[in-house]
Amino acid sequence: MRKGDLTREQAIERAGLELVEKVEGLNCDFTGRLQTDGDKAVEFSAGTNFIDQDGYNRVLTAYYYQDPEDLDENDFDDLDWEISGYEIC
């Protein structure tokens, strides 16, 4: 199951534009998480820590998904690194 149920707009509402732009500028990496629902996509993520308005430590994470065949056939720089969704934990 893919992670990142928040849209960019929802992430901005909850974490602020500055943090969303920060996580969007970070390099993502493999998560190593296996999909259990038959989805063969390879998961990547980038995240940044922040303190929310109530004083709790949180992490804003951006998730990216790539087709395994695309990873075999392309240089990583040539892939479409569109964010699939955001999550705040």
PDB file of N, CA and C in Angstrom:
ATOM      1  N   MET A   1       0.841  -1.169   0.000  1.00  0.00           N
ATOM      2  CA  MET A   1       0.000   0.000   0.000  1.00  0.00           C
ATOM      3  C   MET A   1       0.896   1.245   0.000  1.00  0.00           C
ATOM      4  N   ARG A   2       0.594   2.163  -0.858  1.00  0.00           N
ATOM      5  CA  ARG A   2       1.380   3.391  -0.959  1.00  0.00           C
ATOM      6  C   ARG A   2       1.090   4.315   0.213  1.00  0.00           C
ATOM      7  N   LYS A   3       2.129   5.013   0.615  1.00  0.00           N
ATOM      8  CA  LYS A   3       2.009   5.978   1.710  1.00  0.00           C
ATOM      9  C   LYS A   3       1.913   7.379   1.119  1.00  0.00           C
ATOM     10  N   GLY A   4       1.578   8.323   1.946  1.00  0.00           N
ATOM     11  CA  GLY A   4       1.499   9.710   1.518  1.00  0.00           C
ATOM     12  C   GLY A   4       0.098  10.109   1.113  1.00  0.00           C
ATOM     13  N   ASP A   5      -0.825  10.092   2.057  1.00  0.00           N
ATOM     14  CA  ASP A   5      -2.229  10.398   1.783  1.00  0.00           C
ATOM     15  C   ASP A   5      -2.533  11.891   1.685  1.00  0.00           C
ATOM     16  N   LEU A   6      -1.579  12.737   2.073  1.00  0.00           N
ATOM     17  CA  LEU A   6      -1.819  14.176   2.027  1.00  0.00           C
ATOM     18  C   LEU A   6      -1.404  14.762   0.674  1.00  0.00           C
ATOM     19  N   THR A   7      -2.186  15.696   0.193  1.00  0.00           N
ATOM     20  CA  THR A   7      -1.815  16.451  -0.997  1.00  0.00           C
ATOM     21  C   THR A   7      -0.824  17.536  -0.580  1.00  0.00           C
ATOM     22  N   ARG A   8      -0.244  18.198  -1.550  1.00  0.00           N
ATOM     23  CA  ARG A   8       0.677  19.299  -1.262  1.00  0.00           C
ATOM     24  C   ARG A   8      -0.054  20.396  -0.478  1.00  0.00           C
ATOM     25  N   GLU A   9      -1.249  20.717  -0.900  1.00  0.00           N
ATOM     26  CA  GLU A   9      -2.017  21.767  -0.228  1.00  0.00           C
ATOM     27  C   GLU A   9      -2.309  21.396   1.225  1.00  0.00           C
ATOM     28  N   GLN A  10      -2.660  20.142   1.475  1.00  0.00           N
ATOM     29  CA  GLN A  10      -2.928  19.704   2.846  1.00  0.00           C
ATOM     30  C   GLN A  10      -1.655  19.743   3.691  1.00  0.00           C
ATOM     31  N   ALA A  11      -0.532  19.357   3.097  1.00  0.00           N
ATOM     32  CA  ALA A  11       0.747  19.410   3.819  1.00  0.00           C
ATOM     33  C   ALA A  11       1.096  20.850   4.169  1.00  0.00           C
ATOM     34  N   ILE A  12       0.851  21.779   3.247  1.00  0.00           N
ATOM     35  CA  ILE A  12       1.114  23.192   3.515  1.00  0.00           C
ATOM     36  C   ILE A  12       0.231  23.691   4.657  1.00  0.00           C
ATOM     37  N   GLU A  13      -1.046  23.307   4.659  1.00  0.00           N
ATOM     38  CA  GLU A  13      -1.966  23.717   5.734  1.00  0.00           C
ATOM     39  C   GLU A  13      -1.483  23.241   7.096  1.00  0.00           C
ATOM     40  N   ARG A  14      -0.921  22.036   7.150  1.00  0.00           N
ATOM     41  CA  ARG A  14      -0.558  21.430   8.432  1.00  0.00           C
ATOM     42  C   ARG A  14       0.877  21.712   8.870  1.00  0.00           C
ATOM     43  N   ALA A  15       1.790  21.877   7.894  1.00  0.00           N
ATOM     44  CA  ALA A  15       3.201  22.059   8.254  1.00  0.00           C
ATOM     45  C   ALA A  15       3.768  23.404   7.815  1.00  0.00           C
ATOM     46  N   GLY A  16       3.104  24.052   6.856  1.00  0.00           N
ATOM     47  CA  GLY A  16       3.580  25.338   6.357  1.00  0.00           C
ATOM     48  C   GLY A  16       4.347  25.205   5.049  1.00  0.00           C
ATOM     49  N   LEU A  17       4.278  26.251   4.259  1.00  0.00           N
ATOM     50  CA  LEU A  17       4.919  26.269   2.944  1.00  0.00           C
ATOM     51  C   LEU A  17       6.427  26.084   3.038  1.00  0.00           C
ATOM     52  N   GLU A  18       7.045  26.724   4.021  1.00  0.00           N
ATOM     53  CA  GLU A  18       8.503  26.643   4.158  1.00  0.00           C
ATOM     54  C   GLU A  18       8.973  25.199   4.331  1.00  0.00           C
ATOM     55  N   LEU A  19       8.296  24.428   5.180  1.00  0.00           N
ATOM     56  CA  LEU A  19       8.687  23.035   5.398  1.00  0.00           C
ATOM     57  C   LEU A  19       8.395  22.168   4.174  1.00  0.00           C
ATOM     58  N   VAL A  20       7.281  22.409   3.504  1.00  0.00           N
ATOM     59  CA  VAL A  20       6.964  21.644   2.299  1.00  0.00           C
ATOM     60  C   VAL A  20       8.027  21.898   1.234  1.00  0.00           C
ATOM     61  N   GLU A  21       8.398  23.140   1.049  1.00  0.00           N
ATOM     62  CA  GLU A  21       9.441  23.446   0.067  1.00  0.00           C
ATOM     63  C   GLU A  21      10.787  22.849   0.483  1.00  0.00           C
ATOM     64  N   LYS A  22      11.041  22.807   1.789  1.00  0.00           N
ATOM     65  CA  LYS A  22      12.281  22.203   2.268  1.00  0.00           C
ATOM     66  C   LYS A  22      12.334  20.714   1.934  1.00  0.00           C
ATOM     67  N   VAL A  23      11.257  19.985   2.226  1.00  0.00           N
ATOM     68  CA  VAL A  23      11.258  18.541   1.962  1.00  0.00           C
ATOM     69  C   VAL A  23      11.288  18.265   0.456  1.00  0.00           C
ATOM     70  N   GLU A  24      10.684  19.141  -0.319  1.00  0.00           N
ATOM     71  CA  GLU A  24      10.709  18.977  -1.780  1.00  0.00           C
ATOM     72  C   GLU A  24      12.118  19.169  -2.339  1.00  0.00           C
ATOM     73  N   GLY A  25      12.953  19.925  -1.646  1.00  0.00           N
ATOM     74  CA  GLY A  25      14.314  20.176  -2.100  1.00  0.00           C
ATOM     75  C   GLY A  25      15.329  19.139  -1.635  1.00  0.00           C
ATOM     76  N   LEU A  26      14.903  18.219  -0.777  1.00  0.00           N
ATOM     77  CA  LEU A  26      15.812  17.187  -0.268  1.00  0.00           C
ATOM     78  C   LEU A  26      15.948  16.040  -1.260  1.00  0.00           C
ATOM     79  N   ASN A  27      17.107  15.393  -1.234  1.00  0.00           N
ATOM     80  CA  ASN A  27      17.282  14.180  -2.024  1.00  0.00           C
ATOM     81  C   ASN A  27      16.495  13.057  -1.364  1.00  0.00           C
ATOM     82  N   CYS A  28      15.809  12.273  -2.166  1.00  0.00           N
ATOM     83  CA  CYS A  28      15.081  11.134  -1.618  1.00  0.00           C
ATOM     84  C   CYS A  28      15.960   9.889  -1.719  1.00  0.00           C
ATOM     85  N   ASP A  29      15.562   8.847  -1.002  1.00  0.00           N
ATOM     86  CA  ASP A  29      16.309   7.598  -1.000  1.00  0.00           C
ATOM     87  C   ASP A  29      15.320   6.436  -0.917  1.00  0.00           C
ATOM     88  N   PHE A  30      15.801   5.240  -1.251  1.00  0.00           N
ATOM     89  CA  PHE A  30      14.981   4.040  -1.127  1.00  0.00           C
ATOM     90  C   PHE A  30      14.508   3.904   0.312  1.00  0.00           C
ATOM     91  N   THR A  31      13.263   3.497   0.501  1.00  0.00           N
ATOM     92  CA  THR A  31      12.802   3.233   1.862  1.00  0.00           C
ATOM     93  C   THR A  31      13.066   1.783   2.254  1.00  0.00           C
ATOM     94  N   GLY A  32      13.132   0.893   1.274  1.00  0.00           N
ATOM     95  CA  GLY A  32      13.315  -0.522   1.566  1.00  0.00           C
ATOM     96  C   GLY A  32      12.028  -1.208   1.975  1.00  0.00           C
ATOM     97  N   ARG A  33      10.926  -0.453   1.986  1.00  0.00           N
ATOM     98  CA  ARG A  33       9.641  -1.018   2.396  1.00  0.00           C
ATOM     99  C   ARG A  33       9.053  -1.821   1.252  1.00  0.00           C
ATOM    100  N   LEU A  34       8.627  -3.037   1.529  1.00  0.00           N
ATOM    101  CA  LEU A  34       8.007  -3.888   0.527  1.00  0.00           C
ATOM    102  C   LEU A  34       6.510  -3.632   0.460  1.00  0.00           C
ATOM    103  N   GLN A  35       5.987  -3.580  -0.746  1.00  0.00           N
ATOM    104  CA  GLN A  35       4.548  -3.435  -0.945  1.00  0.00           C
ATOM    105  C   GLN A  35       3.904  -4.804  -0.723  1.00  0.00           C
ATOM    106  N   THR A  36       2.827  -4.846   0.015  1.00  0.00           N
ATOM    107  CA  THR A  36       2.166  -6.126   0.312  1.00  0.00           C
ATOM    108  C   THR A  36       0.856  -6.289  -0.430  1.00  0.00           C
ATOM    109  N   ASP A  37       0.503  -5.300  -1.271  1.00  0.00           N
ATOM    110  CA  ASP A  37      -0.785  -5.361  -1.957  1.00  0.00           C
ATOM    111  C   ASP A  37      -0.648  -5.648  -3.449  1.00  0.00           C
ATOM    112  N   GLY A  38       0.522  -6.173  -3.857  1.00  0.00           N
ATOM    113  CA  GLY A  38       0.731  -6.490  -5.264  1.00  0.00           C
ATOM    114  C   GLY A  38       1.303  -5.348  -6.078  1.00  0.00           C
ATOM    115  N   ASP A  39       1.401  -4.176  -5.495  1.00  0.00           N
ATOM    116  CA  ASP A  39       1.994  -3.020  -6.167  1.00  0.00           C
ATOM    117  C   ASP A  39       3.494  -3.268  -6.267  1.00  0.00           C
ATOM    118  N   LYS A  40       4.035  -3.214  -7.449  1.00  0.00           N
ATOM    119  CA  LYS A  40       5.451  -3.505  -7.646  1.00  0.00           C
ATOM    120  C   LYS A  40       6.332  -2.252  -7.623  1.00  0.00           C
ATOM    121  N   ALA A  41       5.725  -1.095  -7.425  1.00  0.00           N
ATOM    122  CA  ALA A  41       6.482   0.161  -7.424  1.00  0.00           C
ATOM    123  C   ALA A  41       7.528   0.160  -6.311  1.00  0.00           C
ATOM    124  N   VAL A  42       8.642   0.818  -6.590  1.00  0.00           N
ATOM    125  CA  VAL A  42       9.716   0.971  -5.611  1.00  0.00           C
ATOM    126  C   VAL A  42       9.515   2.316  -4.918  1.00  0.00           C
ATOM    127  N   GLU A  43       9.537   2.285  -3.594  1.00  0.00           N
ATOM    128  CA  GLU A  43       9.240   3.474  -2.804  1.00  0.00           C
ATOM    129  C   GLU A  43      10.521   4.222  -2.422  1.00  0.00           C
ATOM    130  N   PHE A  44      10.443   5.543  -2.568  1.00  0.00           N
ATOM    131  CA  PHE A  44      11.493   6.460  -2.137  1.00  0.00           C
ATOM    132  C   PHE A  44      10.838   7.501  -1.247  1.00  0.00           C
ATOM    133  N   SER A  45      11.626   8.083  -0.342  1.00  0.00           N
ATOM    134  CA  SER A  45      11.074   9.165   0.471  1.00  0.00           C
ATOM    135  C   SER A  45      12.172  10.139   0.891  1.00  0.00           C
ATOM    136  N   ALA A  46      11.717  11.312   1.280  1.00  0.00           N
ATOM    137  CA  ALA A  46      12.574  12.328   1.884  1.00  0.00           C
ATOM    138  C   ALA A  46      11.769  12.935   3.016  1.00  0.00           C
ATOM    139  N   GLY A  47      12.421  13.243   4.116  1.00  0.00           N
ATOM    140  CA  GLY A  47      11.686  13.784   5.246  1.00  0.00           C
ATOM    141  C   GLY A  47      12.480  14.817   6.022  1.00  0.00           C
ATOM    142  N   THR A  48      11.746  15.630   6.764  1.00  0.00           N
ATOM    143  CA  THR A  48      12.361  16.642   7.610  1.00  0.00           C
ATOM    144  C   THR A  48      11.604  16.731   8.936  1.00  0.00           C
ATOM    145  N   ASN A  49      12.345  16.904  10.004  1.00  0.00           N
ATOM    146  CA  ASN A  49      11.755  17.035  11.337  1.00  0.00           C
ATOM    147  C   ASN A  49      11.271  18.458  11.558  1.00  0.00           C
ATOM    148  N   PHE A  50      10.222  18.595  12.354  1.00  0.00           N
ATOM    149  CA  PHE A  50       9.733  19.910  12.756  1.00  0.00           C
ATOM    150  C   PHE A  50       8.918  19.783  14.030  1.00  0.00           C
ATOM    151  N   ILE A  51       8.674  20.903  14.663  1.00  0.00           N
ATOM    152  CA  ILE A  51       7.836  20.939  15.861  1.00  0.00           C
ATOM    153  C   ILE A  51       6.528  21.605  15.468  1.00  0.00           C
ATOM    154  N   ASP A  52       5.415  20.906  15.724  1.00  0.00           N
ATOM    155  CA  ASP A  52       4.107  21.440  15.319  1.00  0.00           C
ATOM    156  C   ASP A  52       3.641  22.546  16.265  1.00  0.00           C
ATOM    157  N   GLN A  53       2.492  23.104  15.957  1.00  0.00           N
ATOM    158  CA  GLN A  53       1.973  24.236  16.730  1.00  0.00           C
ATOM    159  C   GLN A  53       1.661  23.887  18.179  1.00  0.00           C
ATOM    160  N   ASP A  54       1.509  22.587  18.468  1.00  0.00           N
ATOM    161  CA  ASP A  54       1.244  22.159  19.843  1.00  0.00           C
ATOM    162  C   ASP A  54       2.521  21.758  20.584  1.00  0.00           C
ATOM    163  N   GLY A  55       3.673  21.911  19.919  1.00  0.00           N
ATOM    164  CA  GLY A  55       4.951  21.596  20.549  1.00  0.00           C
ATOM    165  C   GLY A  55       5.414  20.157  20.402  1.00  0.00           C
ATOM    166  N   TYR A  56       4.743  19.371  19.554  1.00  0.00           N
ATOM    167  CA  TYR A  56       5.118  17.976  19.356  1.00  0.00           C
ATOM    168  C   TYR A  56       6.126  17.832  18.216  1.00  0.00           C
ATOM    169  N   ASN A  57       7.091  16.921  18.403  1.00  0.00           N
ATOM    170  CA  ASN A  57       8.041  16.605  17.336  1.00  0.00           C
ATOM    171  C   ASN A  57       7.332  15.816  16.252  1.00  0.00           C
ATOM    172  N   ARG A  58       7.474  16.236  15.022  1.00  0.00           N
ATOM    173  CA  ARG A  58       6.832  15.593  13.877  1.00  0.00           C
ATOM    174  C   ARG A  58       7.854  15.422  12.761  1.00  0.00           C
ATOM    175  N   VAL A  59       7.476  14.605  11.772  1.00  0.00           N
ATOM    176  CA  VAL A  59       8.274  14.435  10.562  1.00  0.00           C
ATOM    177  C   VAL A  59       7.353  14.625   9.371  1.00  0.00           C
ATOM    178  N   LEU A  60       7.732  15.513   8.470  1.00  0.00           N
ATOM    179  CA  LEU A  60       7.038  15.688   7.200  1.00  0.00           C
ATOM    180  C   LEU A  60       7.794  14.866   6.177  1.00  0.00           C
ATOM    181  N   THR A  61       7.102  13.942   5.533  1.00  0.00           N
ATOM    182  CA  THR A  61       7.728  13.044   4.565  1.00  0.00           C
ATOM    183  C   THR A  61       7.043  13.178   3.218  1.00  0.00           C
ATOM    184  N   ALA A  62       7.857  13.232   2.167  1.00  0.00           N
ATOM    185  CA  ALA A  62       7.359  13.208   0.792  1.00  0.00           C
ATOM    186  C   ALA A  62       7.680  11.825   0.226  1.00  0.00           C
ATOM    187  N   TYR A  63       6.695  11.216  -0.436  1.00  0.00           N
ATOM    188  CA  TYR A  63       6.872   9.878  -1.016  1.00  0.00           C
ATOM    189  C   TYR A  63       6.880   9.947  -2.532  1.00  0.00           C
ATOM    190  N   TYR A  64       7.775   9.163  -3.102  1.00  0.00           N
ATOM    191  CA  TYR A  64       7.937   9.032  -4.552  1.00  0.00           C
ATOM    192  C   TYR A  64       7.872   7.548  -4.890  1.00  0.00           C
ATOM    193  N   TYR A  65       7.326   7.213  -6.047  1.00  0.00           N
ATOM    194  CA  TYR A  65       7.262   5.821  -6.470  1.00  0.00           C
ATOM    195  C   TYR A  65       7.769   5.696  -7.897  1.00  0.00           C
ATOM    196  N   GLN A  66       8.565   4.650  -8.123  1.00  0.00           N
ATOM    197  CA  GLN A  66       9.126   4.399  -9.445  1.00  0.00           C
ATOM    198  C   GLN A  66       8.818   2.971  -9.862  1.00  0.00           C
ATOM    199  N   ASP A  67       8.584   2.789 -11.159  1.00  0.00           N
ATOM    200  CA  ASP A  67       8.382   1.466 -11.731  1.00  0.00           C
ATOM    201  C   ASP A  67       9.729   0.746 -11.738  1.00  0.00           C
ATOM    202  N   PRO A  68       9.781  -0.511 -11.299  1.00  0.00           N
ATOM    203  CA  PRO A  68      11.064  -1.227 -11.240  1.00  0.00           C
ATOM    204  C   PRO A  68      11.782  -1.297 -12.594  1.00  0.00           C
ATOM    205  N   GLU A  69      11.034  -1.439 -13.667  1.00  0.00           N
ATOM    206  CA  GLU A  69      11.651  -1.514 -14.989  1.00  0.00           C
ATOM    207  C   GLU A  69      12.328  -0.194 -15.354  1.00  0.00           C
ATOM    208  N   ASP A  70      11.739   0.924 -14.932  1.00  0.00           N
ATOM    209  CA  ASP A  70      12.343   2.223 -15.197  1.00  0.00           C
ATOM    210  C   ASP A  70      13.668   2.376 -14.461  1.00  0.00           C
ATOM    211  N   LEU A  71      13.756   1.787 -13.278  1.00  0.00           N
ATOM    212  CA  LEU A  71      14.995   1.859 -12.507  1.00  0.00           C
ATOM    213  C   LEU A  71      16.102   1.069 -13.191  1.00  0.00           C
ATOM    214  N   ASP A  72      15.741  -0.035 -13.849  1.00  0.00           N
ATOM    215  CA  ASP A  72      16.723  -0.862 -14.540  1.00  0.00           C
ATOM    216  C   ASP A  72      17.208  -0.225 -15.829  1.00  0.00           C
ATOM    217  N   GLU A  73      16.333   0.521 -16.494  1.00  0.00           N
ATOM    218  CA  GLU A  73      16.622   1.016 -17.835  1.00  0.00           C
ATOM    219  C   GLU A  73      17.156   2.443 -17.873  1.00  0.00           C
ATOM    220  N   ASN A  74      17.068   3.193 -16.803  1.00  0.00           N
ATOM    221  CA  ASN A  74      17.398   4.617 -16.840  1.00  0.00           C
ATOM    222  C   ASN A  74      18.398   5.002 -15.769  1.00  0.00           C
ATOM    223  N   ASP A  75      19.085   6.081 -16.058  1.00  0.00           N
ATOM    224  CA  ASP A  75      19.869   6.757 -15.036  1.00  0.00           C
ATOM    225  C   ASP A  75      18.851   7.431 -14.112  1.00  0.00           C
ATOM    226  N   PHE A  76      19.083   7.425 -12.816  1.00  0.00           N
ATOM    227  CA  PHE A  76      18.128   7.998 -11.871  1.00  0.00           C
ATOM    228  C   PHE A  76      17.800   9.450 -12.189  1.00  0.00           C
ATOM    229  N   ASP A  77      18.761  10.184 -12.741  1.00  0.00           N
ATOM    230  CA  ASP A  77      18.517  11.590 -13.081  1.00  0.00           C
ATOM    231  C   ASP A  77      17.475  11.747 -14.176  1.00  0.00           C
ATOM    232  N   ASP A  78      17.264  10.700 -14.979  1.00  0.00           N
ATOM    233  CA  ASP A  78      16.320  10.771 -16.090  1.00  0.00           C
ATOM    234  C   ASP A  78      14.893  10.404 -15.695  1.00  0.00           C
ATOM    235  N   LEU A  79      14.682   9.967 -14.467  1.00  0.00           N
ATOM    236  CA  LEU A  79      13.358   9.537 -14.023  1.00  0.00           C
ATOM    237  C   LEU A  79      12.494  10.731 -13.634  1.00  0.00           C
ATOM    238  N   ASP A  80      11.184  10.521 -13.656  1.00  0.00           N
ATOM    239  CA  ASP A  80      10.230  11.547 -13.223  1.00  0.00           C
ATOM    240  C   ASP A  80      10.088  11.455 -11.705  1.00  0.00           C
ATOM    241  N   TRP A  81      10.594  12.449 -10.999  1.00  0.00           N
ATOM    242  CA  TRP A  81      10.580  12.427  -9.542  1.00  0.00           C
ATOM    243  C   TRP A  81       9.439  13.285  -9.005  1.00  0.00           C
ATOM    244  N   GLU A  82       8.242  12.983  -9.476  1.00  0.00           N
ATOM    245  CA  GLU A  82       7.049  13.688  -9.001  1.00  0.00           C
ATOM    246  C   GLU A  82       6.627  13.092  -7.655  1.00  0.00           C
ATOM    247  N   ILE A  83       6.318  13.958  -6.717  1.00  0.00           N
ATOM    248  CA  ILE A  83       5.896  13.500  -5.397  1.00  0.00           C
ATOM    249  C   ILE A  83       4.497  12.894  -5.494  1.00  0.00           C
ATOM    250  N   SER A  84       4.373  11.688  -4.941  1.00  0.00           N
ATOM    251  CA  SER A  84       3.095  10.986  -4.967  1.00  0.00           C
ATOM    252  C   SER A  84       2.170  11.492  -3.855  1.00  0.00           C
ATOM    253  N   GLY A  85       2.751  11.841  -2.722  1.00  0.00           N
ATOM    254  CA  GLY A  85       1.969  12.326  -1.593  1.00  0.00           C
ATOM    255  C   GLY A  85       2.848  12.628  -0.404  1.00  0.00           C
ATOM    256  N   TYR A  86       2.252  13.225   0.609  1.00  0.00           N
ATOM    257  CA  TYR A  86       2.963  13.643   1.817  1.00  0.00           C
ATOM    258  C   TYR A  86       2.344  12.959   3.027  1.00  0.00           C
ATOM    259  N   GLU A  87       3.128  12.895   4.091  1.00  0.00           N
ATOM    260  CA  GLU A  87       2.648  12.316   5.343  1.00  0.00           C
ATOM    261  C   GLU A  87       3.276  13.090   6.489  1.00  0.00           C
ATOM    262  N   ILE A  88       2.530  13.271   7.562  1.00  0.00           N
ATOM    263  CA  ILE A  88       3.061  13.868   8.780  1.00  0.00           C
ATOM    264  C   ILE A  88       2.861  12.867   9.910  1.00  0.00           C
ATOM    265  N   CYS A  89       3.970  12.500  10.537  1.00  0.00           N
ATOM    266  CA  CYS A  89       3.932  11.556  11.668  1.00  0.00           C
ATOM    267  C   CYS A  89       4.495  12.206  12.899  1.00  0.00           C
TER     268      CYS A  89
END
